[in-house]
C-alpha atoms as a PDB file:
ATOM      1  CA  MET A   1       0.000   0.000   0.000  1.00  0.00           C
ATOM      2  CA  SER A   2       2.833   2.376  -0.669  1.00  0.00           C
ATOM      3  CA  SER A   3       2.209   5.643  -2.484  1.00  0.00           C
ATOM      4  CA  GLY A   4       3.047   5.712  -6.152  1.00  0.00           C
ATOM      5  CA  PRO A   5       5.191   8.348  -7.855  1.00  0.00           C
ATOM      6  CA  ALA A   6       3.738  11.816  -8.061  1.00  0.00           C
ATOM      7  CA  PRO A   7       4.977  15.393  -8.264  1.00  0.00           C
ATOM      8  CA  SER A   8       6.847  16.160  -5.069  1.00  0.00           C
ATOM      9  CA  SER A   9       8.292  19.097  -3.183  1.00  0.00           C
ATOM     10  CA  PRO A  10      10.047  19.775   0.123  1.00  0.00           C
ATOM     11  CA  ALA A  11       7.633  19.893   3.044  1.00  0.00           C
ATOM     12  CA  SER A  12       6.339  23.371   3.812  1.00  0.00           C
ATOM     13  CA  LEU A  13       4.445  24.573   6.863  1.00  0.00           C
ATOM     14  CA  GLU A  14       1.015  24.861   5.238  1.00  0.00           C
ATOM     15  CA  GLY A  15      -1.738  22.285   4.812  1.00  0.00           C
ATOM     16  CA  ASP A  16      -5.460  21.649   4.635  1.00  0.00           C
ATOM     17  CA  ASP A  17      -8.079  19.606   6.446  1.00  0.00           C
ATOM     18  CA  ASP A  18      -9.874  16.669   4.818  1.00  0.00           C
ATOM     19  CA  ALA A  19      -6.845  15.565   2.858  1.00  0.00           C
ATOM     20  CA  VAL A  20      -4.301  12.757   2.695  1.00  0.00           C
ATOM     21  CA  LEU A  21      -0.707  13.867   2.163  1.00  0.00           C
ATOM     22  CA  PRO A  22       1.704  11.237   0.765  1.00  0.00           C
ATOM     23  CA  PHE A  23       5.378  11.719   1.634  1.00  0.00           C
ATOM     24  CA  ALA A  24       8.772  10.100   1.327  1.00  0.00           C
ATOM     25  CA  VAL A  25      12.009  10.214   3.310  1.00  0.00           C
ATOM     26  CA  GLU A  26      14.514   8.736   0.885  1.00  0.00           C
ATOM     27  CA  ALA A  27      17.393   8.866   3.360  1.00  0.00           C
ATOM     28  CA  LEU A  28      15.507   6.424   5.609  1.00  0.00           C
ATOM     29  CA  ASP A  29      13.799   4.444   2.810  1.00  0.00           C
ATOM     30  CA  LEU A  30      10.414   5.569   4.106  1.00  0.00           C
ATOM     31  CA  ARG A  31       7.102   6.074   2.375  1.00  0.00           C
ATOM     32  CA  GLY A  32       3.997   7.192   4.155  1.00  0.00           C
ATOM     33  CA  ARG A  33       0.817   9.194   4.331  1.00  0.00           C
ATOM     34  CA  ALA A  34      -0.613  11.684   6.792  1.00  0.00           C
ATOM     35  CA  VAL A  35      -4.333  12.418   7.043  1.00  0.00           C
ATOM     36  CA  ARG A  36      -6.342  15.238   8.580  1.00  0.00           C
ATOM     37  CA  LEU A  37     -10.129  14.994   8.885  1.00  0.00           C
ATOM     38  CA  GLY A  38     -12.033  18.123   9.857  1.00  0.00           C
ATOM     39  CA  PRO A  39     -15.496  19.023   8.503  1.00  0.00           C
ATOM     40  CA  SER A  40     -15.916  15.582   6.949  1.00  0.00           C
ATOM     41  CA  ILE A  41     -15.613  13.616  10.202  1.00  0.00           C
ATOM     42  CA  ASP A  42     -17.527  16.271  12.145  1.00  0.00           C
ATOM     43  CA  THR A  43     -20.421  15.901   9.684  1.00  0.00           C
ATOM     44  CA  ILE A  44     -20.406  12.111  10.006  1.00  0.00           C
ATOM     45  CA  LEU A  45     -20.389  12.167  13.807  1.00  0.00           C
ATOM     46  CA  ARG A  46     -22.817  15.054  14.323  1.00  0.00           C
ATOM     47  CA  ARG A  47     -25.361  13.595  11.917  1.00  0.00           C
ATOM     48  CA  HIS A  48     -25.925  10.553  14.100  1.00  0.00           C
ATOM     49  CA  GLY A  49     -25.211  12.113  17.488  1.00  0.00           C
ATOM     50  CA  TYR A  50     -22.931   9.276  18.528  1.00  0.00           C
ATOM     51  CA  PRO A  51     -21.861   9.069  22.189  1.00  0.00           C
ATOM     52  CA  ASP A  52     -18.366  10.485  22.690  1.00  0.00           C
ATOM     53  CA  ALA A  53     -16.687   7.088  23.106  1.00  0.00           C
ATOM     54  CA  VAL A  54     -18.291   5.727  19.921  1.00  0.00           C
ATOM     55  CA  ALA A  55     -17.480   8.941  18.063  1.00  0.00           C
ATOM     56  CA  ARG A  56     -13.789   8.564  18.925  1.00  0.00           C
ATOM     57  CA  LEU A  57     -13.791   4.974  17.720  1.00  0.00           C
ATOM     58  CA  ILE A  58     -15.430   5.930  14.414  1.00  0.00           C
ATOM     59  CA  GLY A  59     -13.016   8.828  14.016  1.00  0.00           C
ATOM     60  CA  GLU A  60     -10.015   6.510  14.448  1.00  0.00           C
ATOM     61  CA  ALA A  61     -11.506   4.016  11.998  1.00  0.00           C
ATOM     62  CA  ALA A  62     -12.186   6.764   9.439  1.00  0.00           C
ATOM     63  CA  ALA A  63      -8.616   8.072   9.690  1.00  0.00           C
ATOM     64  CA  LEU A  64      -7.213   4.544   9.300  1.00  0.00           C
ATOM     65  CA  THR A  65      -9.479   3.850   6.317  1.00  0.00           C
ATOM     66  CA  ALA A  66      -8.413   7.083   4.630  1.00  0.00           C
ATOM     67  CA  LEU A  67      -4.738   6.208   5.141  1.00  0.00           C
ATOM     68  CA  LEU A  68      -5.180   2.753   3.618  1.00  0.00           C
ATOM     69  CA  GLY A  69      -7.824   3.481   0.988  1.00  0.00           C
ATOM     70  CA  SER A  70      -6.003   6.463  -0.487  1.00  0.00           C
ATOM     71  CA  SER A  71      -3.408   4.069  -1.911  1.00  0.00           C
ATOM     72  CA  LEU A  72      -5.980   3.038  -4.535  1.00  0.00           C
ATOM     73  CA  LYS A  73      -5.369   4.572  -7.938  1.00  0.00           C
ATOM     74  CA  LEU A  74      -8.120   5.905 -10.211  1.00  0.00           C
ATOM     75  CA  GLU A  75     -10.981   3.737  -9.043  1.00  0.00           C
ATOM     76  CA  GLY A  76     -11.849   1.173  -6.447  1.00  0.00           C
ATOM     77  CA  ARG A  77     -13.229   0.807  -2.975  1.00  0.00           C
ATOM     78  CA  PHE A  78     -11.605   0.086   0.366  1.00  0.00           C
ATOM     79  CA  GLN A  79     -13.796  -1.008   3.245  1.00  0.00           C
ATOM     80  CA  LEU A  80     -12.960  -1.487   6.900  1.00  0.00           C
ATOM     81  CA  GLN A  81     -15.553  -3.504   8.807  1.00  0.00           C
ATOM     82  CA  SER A  82     -15.603  -4.960  12.296  1.00  0.00           C
ATOM     83  CA  LYS A  83     -17.950  -7.572  13.719  1.00  0.00           C
ATOM     84  CA  THR A  84     -17.491  -8.140  17.435  1.00  0.00           C
ATOM     85  CA  ASP A  85     -19.219  -9.081  20.679  1.00  0.00           C
ATOM     86  CA  GLY A  86     -18.626  -5.711  22.367  1.00  0.00           C
ATOM     87  CA  PRO A  87     -21.019  -2.784  22.855  1.00  0.00           C
ATOM     88  CA  VAL A  88     -20.090  -1.573  19.362  1.00  0.00           C
ATOM     89  CA  GLY A  89     -21.016  -4.725  17.498  1.00  0.00           C
ATOM     90  CA  MET A  90     -20.424  -3.425  14.006  1.00  0.00           C
ATOM     91  CA  LEU A  91     -18.326  -0.652  12.520  1.00  0.00           C
ATOM     92  CA  VAL A  92     -18.139   0.103   8.791  1.00  0.00           C
ATOM     93  CA  VAL A  93     -16.062   2.726   6.996  1.00  0.00           C
ATOM     94  CA  ASP A  94     -16.028   3.001   3.195  1.00  0.00           C
ATOM     95  CA  PHE A  95     -13.451   4.777   1.061  1.00  0.00           C
ATOM     96  CA  GLU A  96     -14.399   5.079  -2.601  1.00  0.00           C
ATOM     97  CA  ALA A  97     -11.583   6.316  -4.831  1.00  0.00           C
ATOM     98  CA  PRO A  98     -10.566   8.931  -5.405  1.00  0.00           C
ATOM     99  CA  ASP A  99     -11.993  10.854  -2.450  1.00  0.00           C
ATOM    100  CA  ARG A 100     -15.274   9.682  -0.881  1.00  0.00           C
ATOM    101  CA  VAL A 101     -15.535   8.644   2.769  1.00  0.00           C
ATOM    102  CA  ARG A 102     -18.541   7.473   4.776  1.00  0.00           C
ATOM    103  CA  ALA A 103     -18.917   5.662   8.095  1.00  0.00           C
ATOM    104  CA  THR A 104     -21.482   4.145  10.423  1.00  0.00           C
ATOM    105  CA  ALA A 105     -21.681   1.999  13.558  1.00  0.00           C
ATOM    106  CA  ARG A 106     -24.199  -0.119  15.419  1.00  0.00           C
ATOM    107  CA  PHE A 107     -23.961  -0.072  19.192  1.00  0.00           C
ATOM    108  CA  GLU A 108     -25.814  -0.843  22.414  1.00  0.00           C
ATOM    109  CA  ALA A 109     -26.521   2.563  23.913  1.00  0.00           C
ATOM    110  CA  GLU A 110     -26.924   1.405  27.519  1.00  0.00           C
ATOM    111  CA  ALA A 111     -23.731  -0.654  27.484  1.00  0.00           C
ATOM    112  CA  VAL A 112     -21.770   2.234  25.966  1.00  0.00           C
ATOM    113  CA  ALA A 113     -23.167   4.689  28.531  1.00  0.00           C
ATOM    114  CA  ALA A 114     -22.170   2.351  31.363  1.00  0.00           C
ATOM    115  CA  MET A 115     -18.561   2.367  30.120  1.00  0.00           C
ATOM    116  CA  GLY A 116     -18.366   6.161  30.157  1.00  0.00           C
ATOM    117  CA  PRO A 117     -17.175   8.726  27.590  1.00  0.00           C
ATOM    118  CA  LYS A 118     -13.512   7.698  27.869  1.00  0.00           C
ATOM    119  CA  ALA A 119     -13.980   3.995  27.086  1.00  0.00           C
ATOM    120  CA  ARG A 120     -11.150   2.636  24.958  1.00  0.00           C
ATOM    121  CA  ALA A 121     -11.649   1.235  21.463  1.00  0.00           C
ATOM    122  CA  ALA A 122     -10.611  -2.238  22.630  1.00  0.00           C
ATOM    123  CA  GLU A 123     -13.308  -2.211  25.330  1.00  0.00           C
ATOM    124  CA  LEU A 124     -15.983  -0.986  22.940  1.00  0.00           C
ATOM    125  CA  MET A 125     -15.265  -3.580  20.260  1.00  0.00           C
ATOM    126  CA  GLY A 126     -14.464  -6.576  22.398  1.00  0.00           C
ATOM    127  CA  ARG A 127     -13.628  -9.807  20.574  1.00  0.00           C
ATOM    128  CA  GLY A 128     -14.348 -10.655  16.976  1.00  0.00           C
ATOM    129  CA  HIS A 129     -12.676  -9.715  13.713  1.00  0.00           C
ATOM    130  CA  LEU A 130     -11.702  -6.733  11.608  1.00  0.00           C
ATOM    131  CA  ALA A 131     -11.909  -7.166   7.844  1.00  0.00           C
ATOM    132  CA  MET A 132     -10.169  -4.896   5.342  1.00  0.00           C
ATOM    133  CA  THR A 133     -11.458  -5.347   1.790  1.00  0.00           C
ATOM    134  CA  ILE A 134     -10.011  -3.967  -1.438  1.00  0.00           C
ATOM    135  CA  ASP A 135     -12.305  -4.006  -4.476  1.00  0.00           C
ATOM    136  CA  GLN A 136     -10.841  -2.410  -7.604  1.00  0.00           C
ATOM    137  CA  GLY A 137     -13.663  -3.279  -9.967  1.00  0.00           C
ATOM    138  CA  PRO A 138     -14.774  -6.237 -12.085  1.00  0.00           C
ATOM    139  CA  THR A 139     -11.430  -6.580 -13.892  1.00  0.00           C
ATOM    140  CA  GLN A 140      -9.411  -7.003 -10.689  1.00  0.00           C
ATOM    141  CA  SER A 141      -9.419  -9.727  -8.051  1.00  0.00           C
ATOM    142  CA  ARG A 142     -11.084  -8.767  -4.777  1.00  0.00           C
ATOM    143  CA  TYR A 143      -8.785  -8.965  -1.762  1.00  0.00           C
ATOM    144  CA  GLN A 144      -9.692  -9.244   1.903  1.00  0.00           C
ATOM    145  CA  GLY A 145      -7.437  -9.340   4.932  1.00  0.00           C
ATOM    146  CA  VAL A 146      -8.909 -10.370   8.284  1.00  0.00           C
ATOM    147  CA  VAL A 147      -7.453  -9.606  11.714  1.00  0.00           C
ATOM    148  CA  ALA A 148      -8.696 -11.254  14.893  1.00  0.00           C
ATOM    149  CA  LEU A 149      -9.725  -8.681  17.497  1.00  0.00           C
ATOM    150  CA  GLU A 150      -8.835  -9.866  20.974  1.00  0.00           C
ATOM    151  CA  GLY A 151      -8.736  -6.667  22.977  1.00  0.00           C
ATOM    152  CA  GLN A 152      -6.271  -4.630  20.930  1.00  0.00           C
ATOM    153  CA  SER A 153      -6.622  -1.066  19.635  1.00  0.00           C
ATOM    154  CA  LEU A 154      -7.182  -0.160  15.988  1.00  0.00           C
ATOM    155  CA  GLU A 155      -3.529   0.894  15.753  1.00  0.00           C
ATOM    156  CA  GLU A 156      -2.435  -2.523  16.984  1.00  0.00           C
ATOM    157  CA  ALA A 157      -4.877  -4.259  14.642  1.00  0.00           C
ATOM    158  CA  ALA A 158      -3.425  -2.304  11.710  1.00  0.00           C
ATOM    159  CA  HIS A 159       0.101  -3.368  12.665  1.00  0.00           C
ATOM    160  CA  GLN A 160      -1.058  -6.980  12.811  1.00  0.00           C
ATOM    161  CA  TYR A 161      -2.684  -6.623   9.385  1.00  0.00           C
ATOM    162  CA  PHE A 162       0.556  -5.455   7.788  1.00  0.00           C
ATOM    163  CA  ARG A 163       2.633  -8.123   9.518  1.00  0.00           C
ATOM    164  CA  GLN A 164       0.467 -10.970   8.315  1.00  0.00           C
ATOM    165  CA  SER A 165      -0.836  -9.651   4.977  1.00  0.00           C
ATOM    166  CA  GLU A 166       1.837  -7.468   3.404  1.00  0.00           C
ATOM    167  CA  GLN A 167       4.864  -8.200   5.586  1.00  0.00           C
ATOM    168  CA  ILE A 168       5.979  -4.581   5.310  1.00  0.00           C
ATOM    169  CA  PRO A 169       7.403  -2.908   8.441  1.00  0.00           C
ATOM    170  CA  THR A 170       4.663  -0.389   9.190  1.00  0.00           C
ATOM    171  CA  LEU A 171       3.844   2.058  11.965  1.00  0.00           C
ATOM    172  CA  VAL A 172       0.406   3.660  12.362  1.00  0.00           C
ATOM    173  CA  ARG A 173      -0.666   6.488  14.672  1.00  0.00           C
ATOM    174  CA  LEU A 174      -4.295   7.595  15.097  1.00  0.00           C
ATOM    175  CA  ALA A 175      -5.932  10.343  17.144  1.00  0.00           C
ATOM    176  CA  VAL A 176      -9.381  11.895  17.585  1.00  0.00           C
ATOM    177  CA  ALA A 177     -10.465  14.931  19.573  1.00  0.00           C
ATOM    178  CA  GLU A 178     -13.396  17.251  20.081  1.00  0.00           C
ATOM    179  CA  GLN A 179     -12.182  20.849  20.017  1.00  0.00           C
ATOM    180  CA  MET A 180     -13.616  24.344  20.225  1.00  0.00           C
ATOM    181  CA  GLU A 181     -13.379  26.215  16.932  1.00  0.00           C
ATOM    182  CA  GLY A 182     -15.013  29.587  16.416  1.00  0.00           C
ATOM    183  CA  GLY A 183     -17.049  29.172  19.570  1.00  0.00           C
ATOM    184  CA  GLU A 184     -18.387  25.772  18.482  1.00  0.00           C
ATOM    185  CA  SER A 185     -17.355  22.254  19.390  1.00  0.00           C
ATOM    186  CA  ARG A 186     -16.125  20.220  16.416  1.00  0.00           C
ATOM    187  CA  TRP A 187     -14.711  16.748  15.942  1.00  0.00           C
ATOM    188  CA  ARG A 188     -11.338  16.232  14.315  1.00  0.00           C
ATOM    189  CA  ALA A 189      -9.305  13.133  13.477  1.00  0.00           C
ATOM    190  CA  GLY A 190      -5.802  12.533  12.203  1.00  0.00           C
ATOM    191  CA  GLY A 191      -3.385   9.780  11.429  1.00  0.00           C
ATOM    192  CA  LEU A 192       0.085   8.919  10.257  1.00  0.00           C
ATOM    193  CA  LEU A 193       1.238   5.802   8.399  1.00  0.00           C
ATOM    194  CA  VAL A 194       4.948   5.123   7.853  1.00  0.00           C
ATOM    195  CA  GLN A 195       6.371   2.153   5.936  1.00  0.00           C
ATOM    196  CA  PHE A 196       9.938   0.918   5.535  1.00  0.00           C
ATOM    197  CA  LEU A 197      10.521   0.132   1.847  1.00  0.00           C
ATOM    198  CA  PRO A 198      14.236  -0.289   1.106  1.00  0.00           C
ATOM    199  CA  SER A 199      15.392  -1.488  -2.307  1.00  0.00           C
ATOM    200  CA  SER A 200      16.926  -4.608  -0.749  1.00  0.00           C
ATOM    201  CA  PRO A 201      14.328  -7.183   0.410  1.00  0.00           C
ATOM    202  CA  GLU A 202      16.807  -8.477   3.016  1.00  0.00           C
ATOM    203  CA  ARG A 203      16.676  -5.131   4.807  1.00  0.00           C
ATOM    204  CA  MET A 204      12.896  -5.491   5.163  1.00  0.00           C
ATOM    205  CA  ARG A 205      13.087  -8.845   6.936  1.00  0.00           C
ATOM    206  CA  GLN A 206      11.692  -8.814  10.445  1.00  0.00           C
ATOM    207  CA  ALA A 207      12.642 -11.046  13.337  1.00  0.00           C
ATOM    208  CA  ASP A 208      10.705 -14.295  13.526  1.00  0.00           C
ATOM    209  CA  LEU A 209       8.219 -14.704  16.339  1.00  0.00           C
ATOM    210  CA  PRO A 210       9.291 -16.972  19.243  1.00  0.00           C
ATOM    211  CA  PRO A 211       8.402 -20.585  18.356  1.00  0.00           C
ATOM    212  CA  GLY A 212       6.543 -21.230  21.617  1.00  0.00           C
ATOM    213  CA  ASP A 213       7.452 -23.283  24.670  1.00  0.00           C
ATOM    214  CA  ALA A 214      10.900 -24.791  24.401  1.00  0.00           C
ATOM    215  CA  PRO A 215      11.854 -28.210  25.826  1.00  0.00           C
ATOM    216  CA  GLU A 216      13.140 -28.177  29.392  1.00  0.00           C
ATOM    217  CA  GLY A 217      16.749 -27.067  29.574  1.00  0.00           C
ATOM    218  CA  HIS A 218      16.634 -25.155  26.266  1.00  0.00           C
ATOM    219  CA  ASP A 219      16.325 -21.426  25.731  1.00  0.00           C
ATOM    220  CA  ILE A 220      13.814 -19.895  23.353  1.00  0.00           C
ATOM    221  CA  LEU A 221      15.698 -18.310  20.483  1.00  0.00           C
ATOM    222  CA  ALA A 222      14.017 -15.345  18.881  1.00  0.00           C
ATOM    223  CA  GLY A 223      14.660 -14.497  15.237  1.00  0.00           C
ATOM    224  CA  THR A 224      18.247 -13.643  14.494  1.00  0.00           C
ATOM    225  CA  VAL A 225      17.364 -10.843  12.075  1.00  0.00           C
ATOM    226  CA  GLY A 226      17.763  -7.467  13.755  1.00  0.00           C
ATOM    227  CA  GLU A 227      15.840  -4.359  12.763  1.00  0.00           C
ATOM    228  CA  ASP A 228      17.449  -2.044  10.231  1.00  0.00           C
ATOM    229  CA  ASP A 229      19.008   1.114  11.680  1.00  0.00           C
ATOM    230  CA  ALA A 230      16.984   3.329   9.342  1.00  0.00           C
ATOM    231  CA  TRP A 231      13.726   1.736  10.487  1.00  0.00           C
ATOM    232  CA  LEU A 232      14.759   2.017  14.125  1.00  0.00           C
ATOM    233  CA  GLU A 233      15.414   5.721  13.622  1.00  0.00           C
ATOM    234  CA  ALA A 234      12.067   6.183  11.871  1.00  0.00           C
ATOM    235  CA  ARG A 235      10.222   4.408  14.659  1.00  0.00           C
ATOM    236  CA  SER A 236      11.991   6.530  17.234  1.00  0.00           C
ATOM    237  CA  LEU A 237      11.022   9.744  15.457  1.00  0.00           C
ATOM    238  CA  VAL A 238       7.391   8.746  14.947  1.00  0.00           C
ATOM    239  CA  GLY A 239       7.269   7.674  18.584  1.00  0.00           C
ATOM    240  CA  THR A 240       7.651  11.334  19.579  1.00  0.00           C
ATOM    241  CA  VAL A 241       4.341  12.274  17.933  1.00  0.00           C
ATOM    242  CA  GLU A 242       1.677  13.250  20.460  1.00  0.00           C
ATOM    243  CA  ASP A 243      -2.048  12.860  19.863  1.00  0.00           C
ATOM    244  CA  HIS A 244      -2.744  16.582  19.828  1.00  0.00           C
ATOM    245  CA  GLU A 245      -0.251  17.089  16.990  1.00  0.00           C
ATOM    246  CA  LEU A 246      -2.324  14.800  14.759  1.00  0.00           C
ATOM    247  CA  VAL A 247      -5.530  16.809  15.241  1.00  0.00           C
ATOM    248  CA  ASP A 248      -4.456  20.372  16.065  1.00  0.00           C
ATOM    249  CA  PRO A 249      -5.601  22.686  13.217  1.00  0.00           C
ATOM    250  CA  ALA A 250      -2.538  24.837  13.913  1.00  0.00           C
ATOM    251  CA  VAL A 251      -0.222  21.891  13.184  1.00  0.00           C
ATOM    252  CA  SER A 252      -0.729  20.928   9.546  1.00  0.00           C
ATOM    253  CA  SER A 253       0.404  17.594   8.148  1.00  0.00           C
ATOM    254  CA  GLU A 254       3.295  19.317   6.373  1.00  0.00           C
ATOM    255  CA  ARG A 255       4.349  21.097   9.541  1.00  0.00           C
ATOM    256  CA  LEU A 256       4.319  17.825  11.457  1.00  0.00           C
ATOM    257  CA  LEU A 257       6.315  15.978   8.783  1.00  0.00           C
ATOM    258  CA  TYR A 258       8.820  18.822   8.665  1.00  0.00           C
ATOM    259  CA  ARG A 259       9.262  18.648  12.436  1.00  0.00           C
ATOM    260  CA  LEU A 260       9.805  14.891  12.342  1.00  0.00           C
ATOM    261  CA  PHE A 261      11.989  14.432   9.292  1.00  0.00           C
ATOM    262  CA  HIS A 262      13.422  17.778   8.112  1.00  0.00           C
ATOM    263  CA  GLU A 263      16.961  16.724   8.997  1.00  0.00           C
ATOM    264  CA  ARG A 264      16.567  13.747   6.661  1.00  0.00           C
ATOM    265  CA  GLY A 265      14.999  15.674   3.780  1.00  0.00           C
ATOM    266  CA  VAL A 266      11.301  14.765   3.777  1.00  0.00           C
ATOM    267  CA  ARG A 267       9.435  15.372   0.530  1.00  0.00           C
ATOM    268  CA  VAL A 268       5.679  15.543   0.070  1.00  0.00           C
ATOM    269  CA  PHE A 269       3.551  14.626  -2.931  1.00  0.00           C
ATOM    270  CA  GLU A 270       0.303  16.081  -4.193  1.00  0.00           C
ATOM    271  CA  ALA A 271      -2.349  16.000  -1.484  1.00  0.00           C
ATOM    272  CA  GLN A 272      -5.508  13.969  -2.068  1.00  0.00           C
ATOM    273  CA  ALA A 273      -8.661  15.798  -1.005  1.00  0.00           C
ATOM    274  CA  LEU A 274     -11.351  13.897   0.913  1.00  0.00           C
ATOM    275  CA  VAL A 275     -15.100  14.502   1.064  1.00  0.00           C
ATOM    276  CA  GLU A 276     -17.873  13.055   3.178  1.00  0.00           C
ATOM    277  CA  ARG A 277     -20.243  11.592   0.623  1.00  0.00           C
ATOM    278  CA  CYS A 278     -22.543   8.599   0.642  1.00  0.00           C
ATOM    279  CA  ARG A 279     -22.895   6.026  -2.146  1.00  0.00           C
ATOM    280  CA  CYS A 280     -26.636   5.603  -1.623  1.00  0.00           C
ATOM    281  CA  SER A 281     -29.152   6.565  -4.321  1.00  0.00           C
ATOM    282  CA  ARG A 282     -32.708   5.735  -5.292  1.00  0.00           C
ATOM    283  CA  GLU A 283     -31.383   3.331  -7.925  1.00  0.00           C
ATOM    284  CA  ARG A 284     -29.233   1.456  -5.376  1.00  0.00           C
ATOM    285  CA  VAL A 285     -32.129   1.243  -2.919  1.00  0.00           C
ATOM    286  CA  MET A 286     -34.426  -0.072  -5.647  1.00  0.00           C
ATOM    287  CA  GLY A 287     -31.833  -2.653  -6.584  1.00  0.00           C
ATOM    288  CA  MET A 288     -31.633  -3.803  -2.964  1.00  0.00           C
ATOM    289  CA  ILE A 289     -35.419  -4.092  -2.653  1.00  0.00           C
ATOM    290  CA  ARG A 290     -35.656  -6.072  -5.903  1.00  0.00           C
ATOM    291  CA  SER A 291     -33.355  -8.684  -4.375  1.00  0.00           C
ATOM    292  CA  PHE A 292     -35.987  -9.541  -1.743  1.00  0.00           C
ATOM    293  CA  SER A 293     -38.720 -12.102  -2.275  1.00  0.00           C
ATOM    294  CA  PRO A 294     -42.317 -10.950  -3.017  1.00  0.00           C
ATOM    295  CA  GLN A 295     -43.345 -11.863   0.536  1.00  0.00           C
ATOM    296  CA  GLU A 296     -40.426  -9.931   2.028  1.00  0.00           C
ATOM    297  CA  ARG A 297     -41.366  -6.897  -0.055  1.00  0.00           C
ATOM    298  CA  THR A 298     -44.952  -7.183   1.152  1.00  0.00           C
ATOM    299  CA  ASP A 299     -43.786  -7.318   4.766  1.00  0.00           C
ATOM    300  CA  MET A 300     -41.832  -4.087   4.227  1.00  0.00           C
ATOM    301  CA  VAL A 301     -44.969  -2.064   3.403  1.00  0.00           C
ATOM    302  CA  ALA A 302     -45.835   0.370   6.204  1.00  0.00           C
ATOM    303  CA  ASP A 303     -49.313   1.325   7.440  1.00  0.00           C
ATOM    304  CA  ASP A 304     -49.402   4.290   5.042  1.00  0.00           C
ATOM    305  CA  GLY A 305     -48.878   1.953   2.078  1.00  0.00           C
ATOM    306  CA  SER A 306     -45.284   2.951   1.356  1.00  0.00           C
ATOM    307  CA  ILE A 307     -41.880   1.305   1.735  1.00  0.00           C
ATOM    308  CA  ALA A 308     -39.458   3.540   3.645  1.00  0.00           C
ATOM    309  CA  ILE A 309     -35.710   2.909   3.734  1.00  0.00           C
ATOM    310  CA  THR A 310     -33.242   5.010   5.744  1.00  0.00           C
ATOM    311  CA  CYS A 311     -29.554   4.880   4.824  1.00  0.00           C
ATOM    312  CA  GLU A 312     -27.453   3.878   7.837  1.00  0.00           C
ATOM    313  CA  PHE A 313     -24.569   6.025   6.628  1.00  0.00           C
ATOM    314  CA  CYS A 314     -26.100   9.383   5.716  1.00  0.00           C
ATOM    315  CA  SER A 315     -29.587   9.026   7.272  1.00  0.00           C
ATOM    316  CA  ARG A 316     -31.255   9.932   3.976  1.00  0.00           C
ATOM    317  CA  ARG A 317     -34.793   8.566   3.889  1.00  0.00           C
ATOM    318  CA  TYR A 318     -36.210   7.005   0.732  1.00  0.00           C
ATOM    319  CA  VAL A 319     -40.006   6.652   0.547  1.00  0.00           C
ATOM    320  CA  LEU A 320     -41.044   4.359  -2.316  1.00  0.00           C
ATOM    321  CA  ASP A 321     -44.336   3.258  -3.848  1.00  0.00           C
ATOM    322  CA  PRO A 322     -44.680  -0.574  -3.722  1.00  0.00           C
ATOM    323  CA  ALA A 323     -46.681  -0.548  -6.953  1.00  0.00           C
ATOM    324  CA  GLU A 324     -43.883   1.310  -8.718  1.00  0.00           C
ATOM    325  CA  ILE A 325     -41.356  -1.201  -7.405  1.00  0.00           C
ATOM    326  CA  GLU A 326     -43.383  -4.127  -8.742  1.00  0.00           C
ATOM    327  CA  ARG A 327     -43.773  -2.409 -12.133  1.00  0.00           C
ATOM    328  CA  GLU A 328     -40.027  -1.948 -12.405  1.00  0.00           C
ATOM    329  CA  ILE A 329     -39.454  -5.594 -11.512  1.00  0.00           C
ATOM    330  CA  VAL A 330     -41.871  -6.724 -14.225  1.00  0.00           C
ATOM    331  CA  GLU A 331     -40.332  -4.365 -16.783  1.00  0.00           C
ATOM    332  CA  ARG A 332     -36.888  -5.800 -16.043  1.00  0.00           C
ATOM    333  CA  GLU A 333     -38.107  -9.381 -16.272  1.00  0.00           C
ATOM    334  CA  ILE A 334     -39.755  -8.957 -19.695  1.00  0.00           C
ATOM    335  CA  PRO A 335     -36.530  -8.061 -21.626  1.00  0.00           C
ATOM    336  CA  ALA A 336     -34.660 -10.811 -19.800  1.00  0.00           C
ATOM    337  CA  ALA A 337     -37.289 -13.379 -20.847  1.00  0.00           C
ATOM    338  CA  SER A 338     -37.202 -12.240 -24.486  1.00  0.00           C
ATOM    339  CA  GLU A 339     -33.448 -12.798 -24.669  1.00  0.00           C
ATOM    340  CA  THR A 340     -33.713 -16.492 -23.716  1.00  0.00           C
END
C-alpha cells in the first residue's frame, strides 16, 4: 500500500483539512501518508449524534481507512468492517476512490453509557474480527485481509494486518479529539502511516516470532534478524508524535512531517482531497429491494402503504411506492425473458 510516484516538493508549513498527504524520506527508505479529517468527520459524527466514546472509535476508523484506501489509484473501494461481541457490534467505513468517505456503527446505547465517555476502542469492540477489503472493480481480483480482534486497539490491529498480509514494516498512529473552533465544538481526526521500503528485500526482513514453549533445559531463540538502523530511527522519530499534533488545526500535516523528518529531507507529494459523501441513491435502494422475495417486499410495506428505507450512513430517507417497485421488476423481467 505504498504511495506511487507523483509530483513532489520539500515539506512546507502549510496544509489543509480533509486531505491525505503522501510523503517520502529517501534517506531512511520511508514512504507514508498523513491524514487530517475536519469538517468531513464532524459531519459524520454530528449527523448521528454518537456518544463520545463511539465517536472517537469511528473517528479513528475513518482516519485509518483514509490512510489505507487512499493508496488506490483511479478507481476502487476500500472497506474497513468490524464484527465483534462488544457494545459496538459493528463498525463500517467506506473509502471510494478517489476521495469519498462514509462511516457508520451499530452499538448498544446502555452498554456504551455504562462504560463512560472515555472507554477505549478495545473495550468498545471486544472480541471478533476486523476485515479490510479492497475491491478495484470487475477486472481485478477482490482482496480481503482479516485480523482477529482480541482486545487490541485499531492501531495494533493495523500493525497486525501489515505483519500478516503485506509483511511490510509499518507504523500507524491515530488520534481523535473534540475541540472548540469559532465558539463551536467540532470533531477532528488525524493519522500517520509510515512504511519501511528499502530497495533490498533483506533489509525489510523482520525477526521471527518466538516458536513457543521450548523443551526443558533449552532457551527460546528469537529471530536472528535485527531491525534495520533506518527503520529504528524512523520508529523513534514517529514515537515522539503526540495525539494533539495529529488533530491540532494549527499543526498541519506538512508542519508535522517537517518537524519529524526535516533533517533527513522529507518530501511531500500532491495531497488527495477527501469529502464526506454517501454512495446511496434511489437506484441502489431499488436494486436492494428487488433482491428480496415478493413476501419480504410485502412485509416491508408500512401502514401508510409505502416502503421507507433510511440509509445507515447518511440518514437519507427514501419513501417508495410498492406498486412502482413491482412495475419496475416486471419491466426488467420482460426483456430478460425475451433474450432467452
